[in-house]
């Protein structure tokens, strides 16, 4: 094949090298296991440059989705609750997963139902998200995981609602 993708036909290795030398191109084997092997006449440096350019472009479009954590307490005040809810909503809108934890200290472990109430109220208040892992105790911590419903859609929905 030539540099434009047109088929030249079946030629010997020597002929292919001569043709590449005339056009100041390189012979690159594409499918070596095929019968006969398929080779292409291309400028290899240009080819490598274009491949690296494509790779950089694809890395630019990839979004790193992380897990963010929001910590609550079983007897949290309303303003603190609202602040953490607003922060969690920002994380969800950015497409991140949110791990919600309720920390228990000392005698609070005897009142786990308050922690479950805070957790359920928090999960119900987050919009554009679904619960992946229901609240459960992990030692002294009550933990749950919340993820966006559909990636990318939550920001658009929020902007539509604001208008």
N, C-alpha and C. Protein backbone atom coordinates (compact mmCIF):
# COMPACT_ATOMS: atom_id res chain seq x y z
N UNK A 1 0.85 -1.18 0.00
CA UNK A 1 0.00 0.00 0.00
C UNK A 1 0.89 1.24 0.00
N UNK A 2 0.42 2.28 -0.68
CA UNK A 2 1.19 3.52 -0.67
C UNK A 2 0.73 4.42 0.47
N UNK A 3 1.30 5.61 0.58
CA UNK A 3 1.01 6.50 1.71
C UNK A 3 -0.43 7.00 1.73
N UNK A 4 -1.13 6.96 0.60
CA UNK A 4 -2.52 7.40 0.55
C UNK A 4 -3.50 6.27 0.81
N UNK A 5 -2.98 5.04 0.97
CA UNK A 5 -3.84 3.90 1.26
C UNK A 5 -4.23 3.11 0.02
N UNK A 6 -3.74 3.50 -1.16
CA UNK A 6 -4.03 2.77 -2.39
C UNK A 6 -3.18 1.50 -2.45
N UNK A 7 -3.78 0.42 -2.95
CA UNK A 7 -3.05 -0.83 -3.03
C UNK A 7 -2.14 -0.83 -4.26
N UNK A 8 -0.89 -1.14 -4.02
CA UNK A 8 0.08 -1.23 -5.11
C UNK A 8 0.02 -2.61 -5.73
N UNK A 9 -0.17 -3.61 -4.90
CA UNK A 9 -0.21 -4.99 -5.36
C UNK A 9 0.88 -5.79 -4.67
N UNK A 10 1.04 -7.02 -5.11
CA UNK A 10 2.04 -7.90 -4.51
C UNK A 10 3.38 -7.63 -5.19
N UNK A 11 4.35 -7.17 -4.40
CA UNK A 11 5.70 -6.91 -4.90
C UNK A 11 6.70 -7.55 -3.96
N UNK A 12 7.91 -7.78 -4.48
CA UNK A 12 8.94 -8.40 -3.64
C UNK A 12 9.47 -7.38 -2.63
N UNK A 13 10.17 -7.90 -1.65
CA UNK A 13 10.71 -7.04 -0.60
C UNK A 13 11.70 -6.03 -1.18
N UNK A 14 12.51 -6.47 -2.13
CA UNK A 14 13.53 -5.60 -2.74
C UNK A 14 12.86 -4.47 -3.52
N UNK A 15 11.81 -4.80 -4.28
CA UNK A 15 11.09 -3.78 -5.05
C UNK A 15 10.45 -2.75 -4.11
N UNK A 16 9.89 -3.24 -3.03
CA UNK A 16 9.25 -2.34 -2.07
C UNK A 16 10.27 -1.38 -1.47
N UNK A 17 11.46 -1.89 -1.13
CA UNK A 17 12.51 -1.04 -0.56
C UNK A 17 13.00 0.00 -1.59
N UNK A 18 13.11 -0.43 -2.87
CA UNK A 18 13.53 0.50 -3.91
C UNK A 18 12.51 1.62 -4.11
N UNK A 19 11.24 1.23 -4.15
CA UNK A 19 10.17 2.22 -4.33
C UNK A 19 10.15 3.21 -3.15
N UNK A 20 10.35 2.70 -1.93
CA UNK A 20 10.38 3.55 -0.74
C UNK A 20 11.56 4.52 -0.81
N UNK A 21 12.69 4.03 -1.30
CA UNK A 21 13.87 4.88 -1.41
C UNK A 21 13.65 6.00 -2.43
N UNK A 22 12.99 5.68 -3.54
CA UNK A 22 12.69 6.68 -4.57
C UNK A 22 11.80 7.80 -4.02
N UNK A 23 10.79 7.39 -3.23
CA UNK A 23 9.84 8.36 -2.68
C UNK A 23 10.30 8.95 -1.35
N UNK A 24 11.48 8.52 -0.88
CA UNK A 24 12.05 8.90 0.43
C UNK A 24 11.04 8.66 1.56
N UNK A 25 10.51 7.43 1.55
CA UNK A 25 9.57 6.97 2.58
C UNK A 25 10.14 5.72 3.24
N UNK A 26 9.41 5.22 4.23
CA UNK A 26 9.80 4.00 4.93
C UNK A 26 8.80 2.90 4.62
N UNK A 27 9.27 1.65 4.66
CA UNK A 27 8.39 0.49 4.49
C UNK A 27 8.05 -0.01 5.89
N UNK A 28 6.77 0.00 6.24
CA UNK A 28 6.33 -0.43 7.56
C UNK A 28 5.41 -1.63 7.39
N UNK A 29 5.73 -2.71 8.09
CA UNK A 29 4.92 -3.92 8.02
C UNK A 29 3.68 -3.74 8.89
N UNK A 30 2.51 -3.92 8.29
CA UNK A 30 1.26 -3.74 9.00
C UNK A 30 0.75 -5.06 9.54
N UNK A 31 0.63 -6.05 8.66
CA UNK A 31 0.16 -7.38 9.05
C UNK A 31 1.19 -8.40 8.59
N UNK A 32 2.06 -8.78 9.50
CA UNK A 32 3.13 -9.72 9.15
C UNK A 32 2.67 -11.15 9.04
N UNK A 33 1.57 -11.51 9.71
CA UNK A 33 1.09 -12.89 9.70
C UNK A 33 0.21 -13.19 8.49
N UNK A 34 -0.17 -12.18 7.74
CA UNK A 34 -1.04 -12.38 6.58
C UNK A 34 -0.25 -13.04 5.45
N UNK A 35 -0.93 -13.68 4.57
CA UNK A 35 -0.31 -14.31 3.40
C UNK A 35 -0.80 -13.59 2.17
N UNK A 36 -0.03 -12.86 1.43
CA UNK A 36 1.32 -12.39 1.73
C UNK A 36 1.29 -11.29 2.79
N UNK A 37 2.43 -11.01 3.46
CA UNK A 37 2.47 -9.95 4.47
C UNK A 37 2.11 -8.58 3.86
N UNK A 38 1.42 -7.76 4.67
CA UNK A 38 0.99 -6.45 4.19
C UNK A 38 1.95 -5.40 4.74
N UNK A 39 2.45 -4.55 3.83
CA UNK A 39 3.35 -3.47 4.22
C UNK A 39 2.83 -2.17 3.61
N UNK A 40 3.23 -1.06 4.23
CA UNK A 40 2.76 0.24 3.78
C UNK A 40 3.95 1.19 3.63
N UNK A 41 3.92 2.02 2.61
CA UNK A 41 4.95 3.03 2.40
C UNK A 41 4.49 4.33 3.07
N UNK A 42 5.18 4.70 4.16
CA UNK A 42 4.80 5.92 4.89
C UNK A 42 6.06 6.61 5.40
N UNK A 43 5.91 7.88 5.77
CA UNK A 43 6.97 8.60 6.48
C UNK A 43 6.81 8.25 7.95
N UNK A 44 7.73 7.43 8.47
CA UNK A 44 7.56 6.87 9.81
C UNK A 44 7.60 7.94 10.90
N UNK A 45 8.46 8.95 10.75
CA UNK A 45 8.53 10.02 11.76
C UNK A 45 7.20 10.78 11.84
N UNK A 46 6.64 11.05 10.67
CA UNK A 46 5.35 11.74 10.63
C UNK A 46 4.26 10.87 11.25
N UNK A 47 4.32 9.57 10.96
CA UNK A 47 3.36 8.62 11.52
C UNK A 47 3.44 8.60 13.04
N UNK A 48 4.65 8.53 13.61
CA UNK A 48 4.82 8.51 15.06
C UNK A 48 4.33 9.82 15.69
N UNK A 49 4.60 10.94 15.01
CA UNK A 49 4.16 12.24 15.51
C UNK A 49 2.63 12.29 15.56
N UNK A 50 1.98 11.82 14.50
CA UNK A 50 0.51 11.83 14.47
C UNK A 50 -0.08 10.91 15.54
N UNK A 51 0.55 9.77 15.77
CA UNK A 51 0.08 8.86 16.82
C UNK A 51 0.20 9.51 18.20
N UNK A 52 1.33 10.17 18.46
CA UNK A 52 1.49 10.81 19.76
C UNK A 52 0.51 11.97 19.92
N UNK A 53 0.22 12.66 18.81
CA UNK A 53 -0.75 13.75 18.85
C UNK A 53 -2.15 13.22 19.18
N UNK A 54 -2.53 12.09 18.57
CA UNK A 54 -3.82 11.46 18.87
C UNK A 54 -3.90 11.04 20.32
N UNK A 55 -2.79 10.48 20.83
CA UNK A 55 -2.76 10.02 22.22
C UNK A 55 -2.92 11.20 23.19
N UNK A 56 -2.22 12.30 22.92
CA UNK A 56 -2.36 13.49 23.77
C UNK A 56 -3.78 14.02 23.74
N UNK A 57 -4.37 14.01 22.54
CA UNK A 57 -5.74 14.51 22.39
C UNK A 57 -6.73 13.64 23.16
N UNK A 58 -6.52 12.32 23.10
CA UNK A 58 -7.43 11.43 23.82
C UNK A 58 -7.26 11.56 25.34
N UNK A 59 -6.02 11.80 25.79
CA UNK A 59 -5.80 12.00 27.23
C UNK A 59 -6.43 13.29 27.72
N UNK A 60 -6.51 14.28 26.84
CA UNK A 60 -7.10 15.56 27.20
C UNK A 60 -8.58 15.41 27.49
N UNK A 61 -9.25 14.51 26.76
CA UNK A 61 -10.69 14.34 26.90
C UNK A 61 -11.08 13.40 28.04
N UNK A 62 -10.13 12.65 28.58
CA UNK A 62 -10.43 11.71 29.65
C UNK A 62 -10.58 12.47 30.96
N UNK A 63 -11.65 12.18 31.67
CA UNK A 63 -11.88 12.83 32.95
C UNK A 63 -11.56 11.85 34.06
N UNK A 64 -10.77 12.30 35.02
CA UNK A 64 -10.44 11.45 36.16
C UNK A 64 -11.55 11.55 37.19
N UNK A 65 -12.25 10.45 37.33
CA UNK A 65 -13.33 10.41 38.31
C UNK A 65 -12.76 9.87 39.60
N UNK A 66 -12.91 10.63 40.65
CA UNK A 66 -12.37 10.22 41.92
C UNK A 66 -13.47 9.99 42.94
N UNK A 67 -13.05 9.50 44.09
CA UNK A 67 -13.97 9.31 45.20
C UNK A 67 -13.69 10.40 46.22
N UNK A 68 -14.68 11.23 46.47
CA UNK A 68 -14.57 12.30 47.46
C UNK A 68 -15.31 11.85 48.72
N UNK A 69 -14.88 12.35 49.85
CA UNK A 69 -15.51 11.93 51.10
C UNK A 69 -16.13 13.12 51.82
N UNK A 70 -17.33 12.90 52.33
CA UNK A 70 -18.02 13.90 53.16
C UNK A 70 -18.22 13.26 54.53
N UNK A 71 -17.76 13.94 55.56
CA UNK A 71 -17.87 13.41 56.92
C UNK A 71 -18.96 14.14 57.69
N UNK A 72 -19.80 13.38 58.31
CA UNK A 72 -20.88 13.93 59.13
C UNK A 72 -20.75 13.41 60.54
N UNK A 73 -21.54 13.96 61.44
CA UNK A 73 -21.61 13.49 62.83
C UNK A 73 -23.07 13.18 63.14
N UNK A 74 -23.34 12.30 64.09
CA UNK A 74 -24.74 11.94 64.37
C UNK A 74 -25.57 13.11 64.91
N UNK A 75 -24.94 14.06 65.60
CA UNK A 75 -25.68 15.20 66.15
C UNK A 75 -25.19 16.48 65.48
N UNK A 76 -25.23 16.53 64.16
CA UNK A 76 -24.72 17.66 63.39
C UNK A 76 -25.78 18.76 63.34
N UNK A 77 -25.33 20.00 63.40
CA UNK A 77 -26.25 21.14 63.31
C UNK A 77 -26.70 21.34 61.86
N UNK A 78 -27.82 22.01 61.68
CA UNK A 78 -28.44 22.16 60.36
C UNK A 78 -27.53 22.92 59.38
N UNK A 79 -26.88 23.99 59.84
CA UNK A 79 -26.04 24.77 58.94
C UNK A 79 -24.84 23.94 58.45
N UNK A 80 -24.22 23.19 59.37
CA UNK A 80 -23.11 22.33 58.98
C UNK A 80 -23.58 21.26 57.99
N UNK A 81 -24.75 20.73 58.25
CA UNK A 81 -25.34 19.73 57.36
C UNK A 81 -25.54 20.32 55.96
N UNK A 82 -26.11 21.53 55.90
CA UNK A 82 -26.36 22.17 54.61
C UNK A 82 -25.07 22.47 53.85
N UNK A 83 -24.02 22.89 54.59
CA UNK A 83 -22.74 23.18 53.97
C UNK A 83 -22.15 21.92 53.34
N UNK A 84 -22.19 20.83 54.09
CA UNK A 84 -21.65 19.56 53.57
C UNK A 84 -22.50 19.03 52.42
N UNK A 85 -23.79 19.25 52.48
CA UNK A 85 -24.69 18.84 51.40
C UNK A 85 -24.37 19.61 50.12
N UNK A 86 -24.14 20.91 50.26
CA UNK A 86 -23.80 21.74 49.10
C UNK A 86 -22.48 21.28 48.47
N UNK A 87 -21.50 20.95 49.31
CA UNK A 87 -20.19 20.48 48.82
C UNK A 87 -20.34 19.13 48.12
N UNK A 88 -21.13 18.25 48.68
CA UNK A 88 -21.37 16.93 48.07
C UNK A 88 -22.07 17.10 46.72
N UNK A 89 -22.98 18.05 46.64
CA UNK A 89 -23.70 18.30 45.39
C UNK A 89 -22.73 18.78 44.31
N UNK A 90 -21.75 19.60 44.69
CA UNK A 90 -20.73 20.05 43.74
C UNK A 90 -19.91 18.86 43.23
N UNK A 91 -19.55 17.95 44.14
CA UNK A 91 -18.79 16.77 43.74
C UNK A 91 -19.59 15.92 42.76
N UNK A 92 -20.87 15.73 43.05
CA UNK A 92 -21.74 14.92 42.18
C UNK A 92 -21.88 15.59 40.82
N UNK A 93 -22.05 16.91 40.81
CA UNK A 93 -22.20 17.64 39.54
C UNK A 93 -20.94 17.55 38.69
N UNK A 94 -19.77 17.44 39.34
CA UNK A 94 -18.52 17.30 38.61
C UNK A 94 -18.29 15.87 38.13
N UNK A 95 -19.17 14.95 38.51
CA UNK A 95 -19.06 13.56 38.06
C UNK A 95 -18.28 12.67 39.00
N UNK A 96 -17.97 13.14 40.20
CA UNK A 96 -17.23 12.34 41.16
C UNK A 96 -18.17 11.48 42.00
N UNK A 97 -17.62 10.39 42.53
CA UNK A 97 -18.35 9.58 43.49
C UNK A 97 -18.15 10.20 44.86
N UNK A 98 -19.13 10.05 45.73
CA UNK A 98 -19.04 10.63 47.06
C UNK A 98 -19.26 9.54 48.09
N UNK A 99 -18.28 9.41 49.00
CA UNK A 99 -18.41 8.48 50.12
C UNK A 99 -18.87 9.31 51.31
N UNK A 100 -20.03 8.98 51.82
CA UNK A 100 -20.61 9.71 52.95
C UNK A 100 -20.36 8.88 54.21
N UNK A 101 -19.73 9.50 55.20
CA UNK A 101 -19.45 8.78 56.45
C UNK A 101 -20.00 9.56 57.63
N UNK A 102 -20.49 8.82 58.60
CA UNK A 102 -20.93 9.40 59.87
C UNK A 102 -20.01 8.82 60.94
N UNK A 103 -19.25 9.68 61.60
CA UNK A 103 -18.28 9.26 62.60
C UNK A 103 -18.93 9.24 63.98
N UNK A 104 -18.73 8.15 64.71
CA UNK A 104 -19.24 8.03 66.07
C UNK A 104 -18.07 8.07 67.04
N UNK A 105 -18.24 8.80 68.15
CA UNK A 105 -17.22 8.85 69.19
C UNK A 105 -17.85 8.52 70.53
N UNK A 106 -17.13 7.75 71.29
CA UNK A 106 -17.54 7.46 72.67
C UNK A 106 -18.93 6.89 72.81
N UNK A 107 -19.76 7.56 73.61
CA UNK A 107 -21.10 7.07 73.92
C UNK A 107 -22.07 7.23 72.75
N UNK A 108 -21.66 7.92 71.68
CA UNK A 108 -22.52 8.06 70.51
C UNK A 108 -22.80 6.72 69.86
N UNK A 109 -21.92 5.75 70.07
CA UNK A 109 -22.13 4.42 69.48
C UNK A 109 -23.39 3.76 70.02
N UNK A 110 -23.82 4.17 71.20
CA UNK A 110 -25.07 3.64 71.75
C UNK A 110 -26.30 4.22 71.07
N UNK A 111 -26.13 5.28 70.29
CA UNK A 111 -27.24 5.96 69.61
C UNK A 111 -27.05 5.93 68.09
N UNK A 112 -26.85 4.74 67.55
CA UNK A 112 -26.61 4.59 66.11
C UNK A 112 -27.78 5.06 65.26
N UNK A 113 -29.01 5.00 65.83
CA UNK A 113 -30.18 5.40 65.04
C UNK A 113 -30.11 6.86 64.62
N UNK A 114 -29.47 7.73 65.42
CA UNK A 114 -29.32 9.13 65.03
C UNK A 114 -28.40 9.26 63.82
N UNK A 115 -27.36 8.44 63.80
CA UNK A 115 -26.45 8.43 62.65
C UNK A 115 -27.16 7.97 61.38
N UNK A 116 -27.99 6.93 61.50
CA UNK A 116 -28.74 6.44 60.35
C UNK A 116 -29.74 7.49 59.86
N UNK A 117 -30.35 8.22 60.80
CA UNK A 117 -31.29 9.29 60.41
C UNK A 117 -30.58 10.39 59.63
N UNK A 118 -29.41 10.81 60.12
CA UNK A 118 -28.64 11.86 59.44
C UNK A 118 -28.22 11.37 58.06
N UNK A 119 -27.75 10.13 57.99
CA UNK A 119 -27.31 9.57 56.71
C UNK A 119 -28.46 9.50 55.71
N UNK A 120 -29.60 8.99 56.12
CA UNK A 120 -30.74 8.87 55.21
C UNK A 120 -31.25 10.24 54.75
N UNK A 121 -31.25 11.21 55.67
CA UNK A 121 -31.66 12.56 55.32
C UNK A 121 -30.69 13.17 54.30
N UNK A 122 -29.39 12.91 54.49
CA UNK A 122 -28.36 13.43 53.58
C UNK A 122 -28.52 12.82 52.19
N UNK A 123 -28.67 11.50 52.13
CA UNK A 123 -28.79 10.80 50.84
C UNK A 123 -30.06 11.26 50.12
N UNK A 124 -31.14 11.46 50.85
CA UNK A 124 -32.39 11.91 50.23
C UNK A 124 -32.27 13.33 49.70
N UNK A 125 -31.41 14.15 50.31
CA UNK A 125 -31.27 15.55 49.92
C UNK A 125 -30.38 15.75 48.70
N UNK A 126 -29.49 14.79 48.40
CA UNK A 126 -28.59 14.92 47.25
C UNK A 126 -29.40 14.65 45.98
N UNK A 127 -29.34 15.60 45.03
CA UNK A 127 -30.10 15.44 43.79
C UNK A 127 -29.18 15.00 42.66
N UNK A 128 -29.73 14.26 41.70
CA UNK A 128 -28.96 13.81 40.54
C UNK A 128 -27.99 12.71 40.87
N UNK A 129 -28.29 11.94 41.91
CA UNK A 129 -27.38 10.88 42.32
C UNK A 129 -28.17 9.67 42.79
N UNK A 130 -27.48 8.53 42.80
CA UNK A 130 -28.11 7.32 43.32
C UNK A 130 -27.15 6.66 44.30
N UNK A 131 -27.70 5.90 45.21
CA UNK A 131 -26.91 5.22 46.23
C UNK A 131 -26.44 3.88 45.68
N UNK A 132 -25.13 3.67 45.71
CA UNK A 132 -24.57 2.41 45.24
C UNK A 132 -24.47 1.43 46.40
N UNK A 133 -24.02 1.94 47.55
CA UNK A 133 -23.87 1.10 48.73
C UNK A 133 -24.72 1.69 49.85
N UNK A 134 -25.67 0.92 50.31
CA UNK A 134 -26.54 1.38 51.39
C UNK A 134 -25.73 1.62 52.66
N UNK A 135 -26.22 2.49 53.55
CA UNK A 135 -25.49 2.77 54.79
C UNK A 135 -25.31 1.51 55.63
N UNK A 136 -24.06 1.29 56.07
CA UNK A 136 -23.77 0.17 56.96
C UNK A 136 -22.60 0.53 57.86
N UNK A 137 -22.57 -0.11 58.99
CA UNK A 137 -21.53 0.17 59.98
C UNK A 137 -20.23 -0.53 59.59
N UNK A 138 -19.14 0.22 59.68
CA UNK A 138 -17.79 -0.32 59.47
C UNK A 138 -16.97 0.09 60.69
N UNK A 139 -17.08 -0.67 61.74
CA UNK A 139 -16.42 -0.31 63.00
C UNK A 139 -17.16 0.83 63.66
N UNK A 140 -16.49 1.97 63.86
CA UNK A 140 -17.10 3.15 64.49
C UNK A 140 -17.65 4.12 63.45
N UNK A 141 -17.68 3.70 62.20
CA UNK A 141 -18.09 4.59 61.11
C UNK A 141 -19.27 4.00 60.36
N UNK A 142 -20.26 4.84 60.10
CA UNK A 142 -21.39 4.47 59.25
C UNK A 142 -21.07 5.02 57.87
N UNK A 143 -21.02 4.15 56.85
CA UNK A 143 -20.57 4.59 55.53
C UNK A 143 -21.57 4.21 54.45
N UNK A 144 -21.62 5.06 53.41
CA UNK A 144 -22.45 4.83 52.24
C UNK A 144 -21.76 5.47 51.04
N UNK A 145 -22.11 5.00 49.82
CA UNK A 145 -21.51 5.54 48.60
C UNK A 145 -22.61 6.07 47.69
N UNK A 146 -22.41 7.30 47.18
CA UNK A 146 -23.37 7.96 46.29
C UNK A 146 -22.63 8.30 45.00
N UNK A 147 -23.25 7.98 43.85
CA UNK A 147 -22.64 8.27 42.55
C UNK A 147 -23.63 9.04 41.68
N UNK A 148 -23.13 9.78 40.67
CA UNK A 148 -24.04 10.50 39.77
C UNK A 148 -24.91 9.52 38.99
N UNK A 149 -26.15 9.96 38.65
CA UNK A 149 -27.06 9.10 37.88
C UNK A 149 -26.47 8.78 36.52
N UNK A 150 -26.22 9.81 35.73
CA UNK A 150 -25.62 9.64 34.41
C UNK A 150 -24.50 10.64 34.30
N UNK A 151 -23.35 10.18 33.82
CA UNK A 151 -22.17 11.06 33.74
C UNK A 151 -22.42 12.20 32.78
N UNK A 152 -22.12 13.41 33.24
CA UNK A 152 -22.23 14.58 32.38
C UNK A 152 -23.60 15.21 32.36
N UNK A 153 -24.67 14.45 32.65
CA UNK A 153 -26.02 14.98 32.56
C UNK A 153 -26.38 15.88 33.74
N UNK A 154 -25.76 15.68 34.89
CA UNK A 154 -26.17 16.41 36.09
C UNK A 154 -25.90 17.89 35.97
N UNK A 155 -24.76 18.28 35.37
CA UNK A 155 -24.47 19.71 35.22
C UNK A 155 -25.48 20.37 34.29
N UNK A 156 -25.79 19.67 33.18
CA UNK A 156 -26.74 20.22 32.22
C UNK A 156 -28.11 20.39 32.86
N UNK A 157 -28.54 19.41 33.64
CA UNK A 157 -29.85 19.50 34.31
C UNK A 157 -29.86 20.65 35.29
N UNK A 158 -28.74 20.82 36.03
CA UNK A 158 -28.68 21.91 37.00
C UNK A 158 -28.77 23.27 36.30
N UNK A 159 -28.10 23.40 35.14
CA UNK A 159 -28.14 24.66 34.42
C UNK A 159 -29.54 24.93 33.88
N UNK A 160 -30.23 23.90 33.42
CA UNK A 160 -31.60 24.05 32.91
C UNK A 160 -32.53 24.47 34.03
N UNK A 161 -32.37 23.88 35.19
CA UNK A 161 -33.23 24.20 36.33
C UNK A 161 -33.02 25.65 36.76
N UNK A 162 -31.74 26.13 36.75
CA UNK A 162 -31.45 27.49 37.16
C UNK A 162 -32.08 28.51 36.22
N UNK A 163 -32.17 28.18 34.93
CA UNK A 163 -32.75 29.10 33.94
C UNK A 163 -34.22 29.12 34.11
